[in-house]
């Protein structure tokens, strides 16, 4: 079959031989760089939001770290699902990007009082769903601002953290761990069918922050770990 395609699983290579179930059509309006930003980012955000948290239209979603690739996908998916989206980012540029993607409010998570602002914006209830990109820093704080019967989905983590289980107990909150590689073939097919429809209509649109030549892959890894995320970093063969 001819036409553009995008990969589900990523690696560093100029050419790949893949099973047919690992590639999906790429709408003509999207570039190959945007296609590279779809597979893991959008499937991760969609699985966390819909299959784990089971977000309901009208609920409040807090994307804790919303200016990176997965965060932007989560904001777009949340907006499309009818959620009241609140995001956070550590740079002015990142906050502007999150607002452009449909977040109703964007918080500066470098400020010491940003979670107080979250509680004010939710009239003291907290967020019904929190998607967490850096749990080793934020999970304990998330448990103090999640709503009663709320759900926290841990998407990213770089270490250990101590939490107070009472914060989860008193709110009857649920914490989910989520790793995309645990999804089965049928679940992935379902996710990507929905994502493909959103890409085709323009409701979902990957944001590319940086393009680097493949030979500078090490530089890309340094950027991934640095604060101030802005869209997806893509390597160009």
C-alpha atoms as a PDB file:
ATOM      1  CA  UNK A   1       0.000   0.000   0.000  1.00  0.00           C
ATOM      2  CA  UNK A   2       1.225   3.485  -0.789  1.00  0.00           C
ATOM      3  CA  UNK A   3       0.930   6.729   1.109  1.00  0.00           C
ATOM      4  CA  UNK A   4       2.314   8.237   4.267  1.00  0.00           C
ATOM      5  CA  UNK A   5       2.576   6.192   7.425  1.00  0.00           C
ATOM      6  CA  UNK A   6       3.509   6.703  11.039  1.00  0.00           C
ATOM      7  CA  UNK A   7       5.127   4.256  13.462  1.00  0.00           C
ATOM      8  CA  UNK A   8       3.795   3.000  16.756  1.00  0.00           C
ATOM      9  CA  UNK A   9       7.158   1.943  18.197  1.00  0.00           C
ATOM     10  CA  UNK A  10      10.127   4.277  17.885  1.00  0.00           C
ATOM     11  CA  UNK A  11      13.837   3.732  17.392  1.00  0.00           C
ATOM     12  CA  UNK A  12      16.757   5.487  15.740  1.00  0.00           C
ATOM     13  CA  UNK A  13      17.040   4.345  12.131  1.00  0.00           C
ATOM     14  CA  UNK A  14      16.701   5.668   8.599  1.00  0.00           C
ATOM     15  CA  UNK A  15      14.810   2.602   7.348  1.00  0.00           C
ATOM     16  CA  UNK A  16      12.778  -0.089   9.094  1.00  0.00           C
ATOM     17  CA  UNK A  17      10.994  -3.304   8.156  1.00  0.00           C
ATOM     18  CA  UNK A  18       7.842  -3.627  10.265  1.00  0.00           C
ATOM     19  CA  UNK A  19       4.747  -5.741  10.649  1.00  0.00           C
ATOM     20  CA  UNK A  20       1.689  -4.059   9.188  1.00  0.00           C
ATOM     21  CA  UNK A  21       0.031  -3.722  12.596  1.00  0.00           C
ATOM     22  CA  UNK A  22       2.836  -1.430  13.771  1.00  0.00           C
ATOM     23  CA  UNK A  23       2.142   1.327  11.235  1.00  0.00           C
ATOM     24  CA  UNK A  24      -0.871   3.595  10.826  1.00  0.00           C
ATOM     25  CA  UNK A  25      -1.939   6.018   8.082  1.00  0.00           C
ATOM     26  CA  UNK A  26      -0.621   9.557   8.423  1.00  0.00           C
ATOM     27  CA  UNK A  27      -3.077  12.240   7.254  1.00  0.00           C
ATOM     28  CA  UNK A  28      -1.727  14.205   4.297  1.00  0.00           C
ATOM     29  CA  UNK A  29      -1.937  17.472   6.236  1.00  0.00           C
ATOM     30  CA  UNK A  30       0.696  16.286   8.724  1.00  0.00           C
ATOM     31  CA  UNK A  31       4.444  16.202   8.176  1.00  0.00           C
ATOM     32  CA  UNK A  32       6.609  13.172   8.833  1.00  0.00           C
ATOM     33  CA  UNK A  33       7.998  15.000  11.873  1.00  0.00           C
ATOM     34  CA  UNK A  34       4.481  15.381  13.230  1.00  0.00           C
ATOM     35  CA  UNK A  35       3.889  11.710  12.491  1.00  0.00           C
ATOM     36  CA  UNK A  36       6.921  10.853  14.605  1.00  0.00           C
ATOM     37  CA  UNK A  37       5.291  12.743  17.480  1.00  0.00           C
ATOM     38  CA  UNK A  38       2.043  10.780  17.398  1.00  0.00           C
ATOM     39  CA  UNK A  39       2.618   7.131  18.273  1.00  0.00           C
ATOM     40  CA  UNK A  40       3.849   7.091  21.853  1.00  0.00           C
ATOM     41  CA  UNK A  41       2.712  10.556  22.936  1.00  0.00           C
ATOM     42  CA  UNK A  42      -0.913  10.430  21.874  1.00  0.00           C
ATOM     43  CA  UNK A  43      -1.425   6.768  22.702  1.00  0.00           C
ATOM     44  CA  UNK A  44       0.046   7.343  26.173  1.00  0.00           C
ATOM     45  CA  UNK A  45      -2.166  10.358  26.838  1.00  0.00           C
ATOM     46  CA  UNK A  46      -5.281   8.680  25.443  1.00  0.00           C
ATOM     47  CA  UNK A  47      -4.743   5.461  27.384  1.00  0.00           C
ATOM     48  CA  UNK A  48      -4.153   7.383  30.608  1.00  0.00           C
ATOM     49  CA  UNK A  49      -7.145   9.655  30.126  1.00  0.00           C
ATOM     50  CA  UNK A  50      -9.706   7.214  28.766  1.00  0.00           C
ATOM     51  CA  UNK A  51      -8.663   3.669  29.675  1.00  0.00           C
ATOM     52  CA  UNK A  52      -7.215   4.338  33.142  1.00  0.00           C
ATOM     53  CA  UNK A  53      -8.804   7.495  34.568  1.00  0.00           C
ATOM     54  CA  UNK A  54     -12.016   7.033  32.538  1.00  0.00           C
ATOM     55  CA  UNK A  55     -12.524  10.778  32.413  1.00  0.00           C
ATOM     56  CA  UNK A  56     -16.096  11.998  32.001  1.00  0.00           C
ATOM     57  CA  UNK A  57     -17.045  15.132  30.024  1.00  0.00           C
ATOM     58  CA  UNK A  58     -17.447  18.075  32.377  1.00  0.00           C
ATOM     59  CA  UNK A  59     -14.772  16.899  34.811  1.00  0.00           C
ATOM     60  CA  UNK A  60     -11.663  18.929  35.591  1.00  0.00           C
ATOM     61  CA  UNK A  61      -8.382  17.592  34.213  1.00  0.00           C
ATOM     62  CA  UNK A  62      -5.040  18.824  35.552  1.00  0.00           C
ATOM     63  CA  UNK A  63      -2.092  18.030  33.276  1.00  0.00           C
ATOM     64  CA  UNK A  64       0.876  18.398  35.629  1.00  0.00           C
ATOM     65  CA  UNK A  65       3.628  19.269  33.178  1.00  0.00           C
ATOM     66  CA  UNK A  66       1.659  20.065  30.035  1.00  0.00           C
ATOM     67  CA  UNK A  67       4.138  21.646  27.621  1.00  0.00           C
ATOM     68  CA  UNK A  68       5.965  18.489  26.488  1.00  0.00           C
ATOM     69  CA  UNK A  69       4.879  15.982  23.868  1.00  0.00           C
ATOM     70  CA  UNK A  70       2.618  13.847  26.078  1.00  0.00           C
ATOM     71  CA  UNK A  71       1.319  16.890  27.946  1.00  0.00           C
ATOM     72  CA  UNK A  72       0.256  18.672  24.754  1.00  0.00           C
ATOM     73  CA  UNK A  73      -1.450  15.487  23.553  1.00  0.00           C
ATOM     74  CA  UNK A  74      -3.298  15.256  26.878  1.00  0.00           C
ATOM     75  CA  UNK A  75      -4.473  18.869  26.661  1.00  0.00           C
ATOM     76  CA  UNK A  76      -5.781  18.377  23.121  1.00  0.00           C
ATOM     77  CA  UNK A  77      -7.482  15.080  23.988  1.00  0.00           C
ATOM     78  CA  UNK A  78      -8.996  16.520  27.152  1.00  0.00           C
ATOM     79  CA  UNK A  79     -10.382  19.526  25.313  1.00  0.00           C
ATOM     80  CA  UNK A  80     -11.853  17.278  22.606  1.00  0.00           C
ATOM     81  CA  UNK A  81     -13.489  15.108  25.294  1.00  0.00           C
ATOM     82  CA  UNK A  82     -15.255  18.047  26.902  1.00  0.00           C
ATOM     83  CA  UNK A  83     -13.067  18.301  29.992  1.00  0.00           C
ATOM     84  CA  UNK A  84     -12.176  21.509  31.783  1.00  0.00           C
ATOM     85  CA  UNK A  85      -8.430  21.430  31.212  1.00  0.00           C
ATOM     86  CA  UNK A  86      -5.902  23.059  33.531  1.00  0.00           C
ATOM     87  CA  UNK A  87      -2.239  22.671  32.643  1.00  0.00           C
ATOM     88  CA  UNK A  88       1.085  23.659  34.140  1.00  0.00           C
ATOM     89  CA  UNK A  89       4.442  24.585  32.659  1.00  0.00           C
ATOM     90  CA  UNK A  90       7.667  26.038  33.991  1.00  0.00           C
ATOM     91  CA  UNK A  91       8.372  28.637  31.298  1.00  0.00           C
ATOM     92  CA  UNK A  92       6.407  31.532  29.847  1.00  0.00           C
ATOM     93  CA  UNK A  93       6.857  30.079  26.358  1.00  0.00           C
ATOM     94  CA  UNK A  94       5.582  26.704  27.520  1.00  0.00           C
ATOM     95  CA  UNK A  95       2.568  28.220  29.245  1.00  0.00           C
ATOM     96  CA  UNK A  96       1.646  30.137  26.096  1.00  0.00           C
ATOM     97  CA  UNK A  97       1.827  26.898  24.104  1.00  0.00           C
ATOM     98  CA  UNK A  98      -0.405  25.033  26.568  1.00  0.00           C
ATOM     99  CA  UNK A  99      -2.979  27.828  26.410  1.00  0.00           C
ATOM    100  CA  UNK A 100      -2.907  27.731  22.599  1.00  0.00           C
ATOM    101  CA  UNK A 101      -3.726  24.005  22.680  1.00  0.00           C
ATOM    102  CA  UNK A 102      -6.943  24.562  24.602  1.00  0.00           C
ATOM    103  CA  UNK A 103      -6.189  24.636  28.317  1.00  0.00           C
ATOM    104  CA  UNK A 104      -8.627  26.918  30.105  1.00  0.00           C
ATOM    105  CA  UNK A 105      -6.052  27.873  32.729  1.00  0.00           C
ATOM    106  CA  UNK A 106      -2.274  27.439  32.765  1.00  0.00           C
ATOM    107  CA  UNK A 107      -0.284  27.495  36.007  1.00  0.00           C
ATOM    108  CA  UNK A 108       3.390  28.256  36.570  1.00  0.00           C
ATOM    109  CA  UNK A 109       4.645  25.206  38.456  1.00  0.00           C
ATOM    110  CA  UNK A 110       7.822  27.081  39.348  1.00  0.00           C
ATOM    111  CA  UNK A 111       5.790  29.271  41.705  1.00  0.00           C
ATOM    112  CA  UNK A 112       5.423  28.020  45.286  1.00  0.00           C
ATOM    113  CA  UNK A 113       1.690  28.841  45.368  1.00  0.00           C
ATOM    114  CA  UNK A 114       0.596  27.295  42.065  1.00  0.00           C
ATOM    115  CA  UNK A 115      -1.371  24.477  43.699  1.00  0.00           C
ATOM    116  CA  UNK A 116      -3.220  26.996  45.830  1.00  0.00           C
ATOM    117  CA  UNK A 117      -4.259  28.606  42.554  1.00  0.00           C
ATOM    118  CA  UNK A 118      -5.444  25.213  41.297  1.00  0.00           C
ATOM    119  CA  UNK A 119      -7.656  24.825  44.352  1.00  0.00           C
ATOM    120  CA  UNK A 120      -9.016  28.334  43.873  1.00  0.00           C
ATOM    121  CA  UNK A 121      -9.855  27.631  40.234  1.00  0.00           C
ATOM    122  CA  UNK A 122     -11.764  24.497  41.258  1.00  0.00           C
ATOM    123  CA  UNK A 123     -13.619  26.186  44.148  1.00  0.00           C
ATOM    124  CA  UNK A 124     -11.698  24.066  46.633  1.00  0.00           C
ATOM    125  CA  UNK A 125     -12.671  20.717  45.067  1.00  0.00           C
ATOM    126  CA  UNK A 126      -9.426  19.909  43.346  1.00  0.00           C
ATOM    127  CA  UNK A 127      -8.995  18.157  40.008  1.00  0.00           C
ATOM    128  CA  UNK A 128     -11.052  15.081  39.153  1.00  0.00           C
ATOM    129  CA  UNK A 129      -8.234  13.679  37.020  1.00  0.00           C
ATOM    130  CA  UNK A 130      -4.507  14.421  37.259  1.00  0.00           C
ATOM    131  CA  UNK A 131      -2.042  13.219  34.634  1.00  0.00           C
ATOM    132  CA  UNK A 132       1.384  13.237  36.267  1.00  0.00           C
ATOM    133  CA  UNK A 133       4.580  13.522  34.215  1.00  0.00           C
ATOM    134  CA  UNK A 134       7.134  13.630  37.070  1.00  0.00           C
ATOM    135  CA  UNK A 135       5.766  11.589  39.946  1.00  0.00           C
ATOM    136  CA  UNK A 136       8.963  11.485  42.002  1.00  0.00           C
ATOM    137  CA  UNK A 137       8.628  15.256  42.430  1.00  0.00           C
ATOM    138  CA  UNK A 138       4.868  15.788  42.360  1.00  0.00           C
ATOM    139  CA  UNK A 139       2.885  12.740  43.485  1.00  0.00           C
ATOM    140  CA  UNK A 140       2.697  13.732  47.149  1.00  0.00           C
ATOM    141  CA  UNK A 141       1.454  17.172  46.098  1.00  0.00           C
ATOM    142  CA  UNK A 142      -1.045  15.664  43.655  1.00  0.00           C
ATOM    143  CA  UNK A 143      -2.654  13.745  46.507  1.00  0.00           C
ATOM    144  CA  UNK A 144      -3.412  17.035  48.268  1.00  0.00           C
ATOM    145  CA  UNK A 145      -5.180  18.613  45.269  1.00  0.00           C
ATOM    146  CA  UNK A 146      -7.066  15.682  43.748  1.00  0.00           C
ATOM    147  CA  UNK A 147     -10.833  15.799  44.214  1.00  0.00           C
ATOM    148  CA  UNK A 148     -12.798  13.263  46.230  1.00  0.00           C
ATOM    149  CA  UNK A 149     -13.060  10.052  44.195  1.00  0.00           C
ATOM    150  CA  UNK A 150     -10.440  11.560  41.891  1.00  0.00           C
ATOM    151  CA  UNK A 151      -7.910   9.650  39.802  1.00  0.00           C
ATOM    152  CA  UNK A 152      -4.199  10.254  39.372  1.00  0.00           C
ATOM    153  CA  UNK A 153      -2.378   8.546  36.502  1.00  0.00           C
ATOM    154  CA  UNK A 154       1.405   8.324  36.791  1.00  0.00           C
ATOM    155  CA  UNK A 155       2.845   8.662  33.296  1.00  0.00           C
ATOM    156  CA  UNK A 156       6.413   9.716  34.082  1.00  0.00           C
ATOM    157  CA  UNK A 157       8.816   9.144  36.972  1.00  0.00           C
ATOM    158  CA  UNK A 158      12.557   9.500  37.595  1.00  0.00           C
ATOM    159  CA  UNK A 159      13.037   8.324  41.164  1.00  0.00           C
ATOM    160  CA  UNK A 160      11.426   7.636  44.524  1.00  0.00           C
ATOM    161  CA  UNK A 161       9.079   9.714  46.657  1.00  0.00           C
ATOM    162  CA  UNK A 162       7.436   9.491  50.068  1.00  0.00           C
ATOM    163  CA  UNK A 163       3.668  10.032  50.169  1.00  0.00           C
ATOM    164  CA  UNK A 164       1.070  10.217  52.925  1.00  0.00           C
ATOM    165  CA  UNK A 165      -1.490   7.446  52.236  1.00  0.00           C
ATOM    166  CA  UNK A 166      -4.011   9.343  54.354  1.00  0.00           C
ATOM    167  CA  UNK A 167      -4.303  11.928  51.583  1.00  0.00           C
ATOM    168  CA  UNK A 168      -5.537   9.194  49.241  1.00  0.00           C
ATOM    169  CA  UNK A 169      -7.641   7.543  51.940  1.00  0.00           C
ATOM    170  CA  UNK A 170      -9.612  10.621  52.983  1.00  0.00           C
ATOM    171  CA  UNK A 171     -10.398  11.472  49.359  1.00  0.00           C
ATOM    172  CA  UNK A 172     -10.952   7.857  48.290  1.00  0.00           C
ATOM    173  CA  UNK A 173      -8.622   8.738  45.440  1.00  0.00           C
ATOM    174  CA  UNK A 174      -7.065   6.217  43.080  1.00  0.00           C
ATOM    175  CA  UNK A 175      -3.486   6.261  41.796  1.00  0.00           C
ATOM    176  CA  UNK A 176      -2.843   4.370  38.571  1.00  0.00           C
ATOM    177  CA  UNK A 177       0.512   3.483  37.105  1.00  0.00           C
ATOM    178  CA  UNK A 178       0.520   3.511  33.315  1.00  0.00           C
ATOM    179  CA  UNK A 179       3.088   2.189  30.841  1.00  0.00           C
ATOM    180  CA  UNK A 180       2.096   2.026  27.185  1.00  0.00           C
ATOM    181  CA  UNK A 181       4.081  -1.145  26.505  1.00  0.00           C
ATOM    182  CA  UNK A 182       1.610  -3.089  28.658  1.00  0.00           C
ATOM    183  CA  UNK A 183      -1.218  -2.388  26.205  1.00  0.00           C
ATOM    184  CA  UNK A 184      -2.245  -5.309  24.020  1.00  0.00           C
ATOM    185  CA  UNK A 185      -2.655  -5.272  20.249  1.00  0.00           C
ATOM    186  CA  UNK A 186      -6.426  -4.814  20.330  1.00  0.00           C
ATOM    187  CA  UNK A 187      -6.216  -1.970  22.817  1.00  0.00           C
ATOM    188  CA  UNK A 188      -3.544  -0.221  20.758  1.00  0.00           C
ATOM    189  CA  UNK A 189      -5.588  -0.643  17.599  1.00  0.00           C
ATOM    190  CA  UNK A 190      -8.576   0.935  19.334  1.00  0.00           C
ATOM    191  CA  UNK A 191      -6.491   3.836  20.626  1.00  0.00           C
ATOM    192  CA  UNK A 192      -4.927   4.564  17.266  1.00  0.00           C
ATOM    193  CA  UNK A 193      -8.213   4.344  15.395  1.00  0.00           C
ATOM    194  CA  UNK A 194      -9.571   7.126  17.602  1.00  0.00           C
ATOM    195  CA  UNK A 195      -6.336   9.121  17.408  1.00  0.00           C
ATOM    196  CA  UNK A 196      -6.268   8.770  13.623  1.00  0.00           C
ATOM    197  CA  UNK A 197      -9.782  10.170  13.388  1.00  0.00           C
ATOM    198  CA  UNK A 198      -8.763  13.165  15.500  1.00  0.00           C
ATOM    199  CA  UNK A 199      -5.676  13.772  13.376  1.00  0.00           C
ATOM    200  CA  UNK A 200      -7.707  13.595  10.173  1.00  0.00           C
ATOM    201  CA  UNK A 201     -10.166  16.243  11.355  1.00  0.00           C
ATOM    202  CA  UNK A 202      -7.494  18.509  12.820  1.00  0.00           C
ATOM    203  CA  UNK A 203      -8.824  18.208  16.366  1.00  0.00           C
ATOM    204  CA  UNK A 204      -5.470  16.658  17.268  1.00  0.00           C
ATOM    205  CA  UNK A 205      -2.290  18.222  15.919  1.00  0.00           C
ATOM    206  CA  UNK A 206       1.210  17.335  17.181  1.00  0.00           C
ATOM    207  CA  UNK A 207       3.455  20.253  18.104  1.00  0.00           C
ATOM    208  CA  UNK A 208       7.125  19.976  17.154  1.00  0.00           C
ATOM    209  CA  UNK A 209       9.394  21.981  19.423  1.00  0.00           C
ATOM    210  CA  UNK A 210      12.814  20.979  18.076  1.00  0.00           C
ATOM    211  CA  UNK A 211      14.127  19.081  15.062  1.00  0.00           C
ATOM    212  CA  UNK A 212      17.678  17.746  15.252  1.00  0.00           C
ATOM    213  CA  UNK A 213      19.728  15.628  12.835  1.00  0.00           C
ATOM    214  CA  UNK A 214      20.052  11.992  13.819  1.00  0.00           C
ATOM    215  CA  UNK A 215      23.759  12.450  14.514  1.00  0.00           C
ATOM    216  CA  UNK A 216      22.805  14.810  17.380  1.00  0.00           C
ATOM    217  CA  UNK A 217      20.695  12.234  19.213  1.00  0.00           C
ATOM    218  CA  UNK A 218      22.769  12.714  22.368  1.00  0.00           C
ATOM    219  CA  UNK A 219      21.871  16.414  22.374  1.00  0.00           C
ATOM    220  CA  UNK A 220      18.204  15.472  22.121  1.00  0.00           C
ATOM    221  CA  UNK A 221      18.507  13.291  25.221  1.00  0.00           C
ATOM    222  CA  UNK A 222      20.004  16.207  27.153  1.00  0.00           C
ATOM    223  CA  UNK A 223      17.094  18.416  26.070  1.00  0.00           C
ATOM    224  CA  UNK A 224      14.539  15.816  27.156  1.00  0.00           C
ATOM    225  CA  UNK A 225      15.926  15.890  30.699  1.00  0.00           C
ATOM    226  CA  UNK A 226      16.139  19.684  30.868  1.00  0.00           C
ATOM    227  CA  UNK A 227      13.329  21.823  32.326  1.00  0.00           C
ATOM    228  CA  UNK A 228      11.206  24.025  30.073  1.00  0.00           C
ATOM    229  CA  UNK A 229       9.701  21.366  27.782  1.00  0.00           C
ATOM    230  CA  UNK A 230       8.151  22.691  24.567  1.00  0.00           C
ATOM    231  CA  UNK A 231       6.465  20.222  22.243  1.00  0.00           C
ATOM    232  CA  UNK A 232       8.134  17.143  20.831  1.00  0.00           C
ATOM    233  CA  UNK A 233      11.817  16.693  19.991  1.00  0.00           C
ATOM    234  CA  UNK A 234      12.217  14.891  16.658  1.00  0.00           C
ATOM    235  CA  UNK A 235      15.364  13.405  15.110  1.00  0.00           C
ATOM    236  CA  UNK A 236      15.710  13.834  11.332  1.00  0.00           C
ATOM    237  CA  UNK A 237      17.652  11.121   9.395  1.00  0.00           C
END
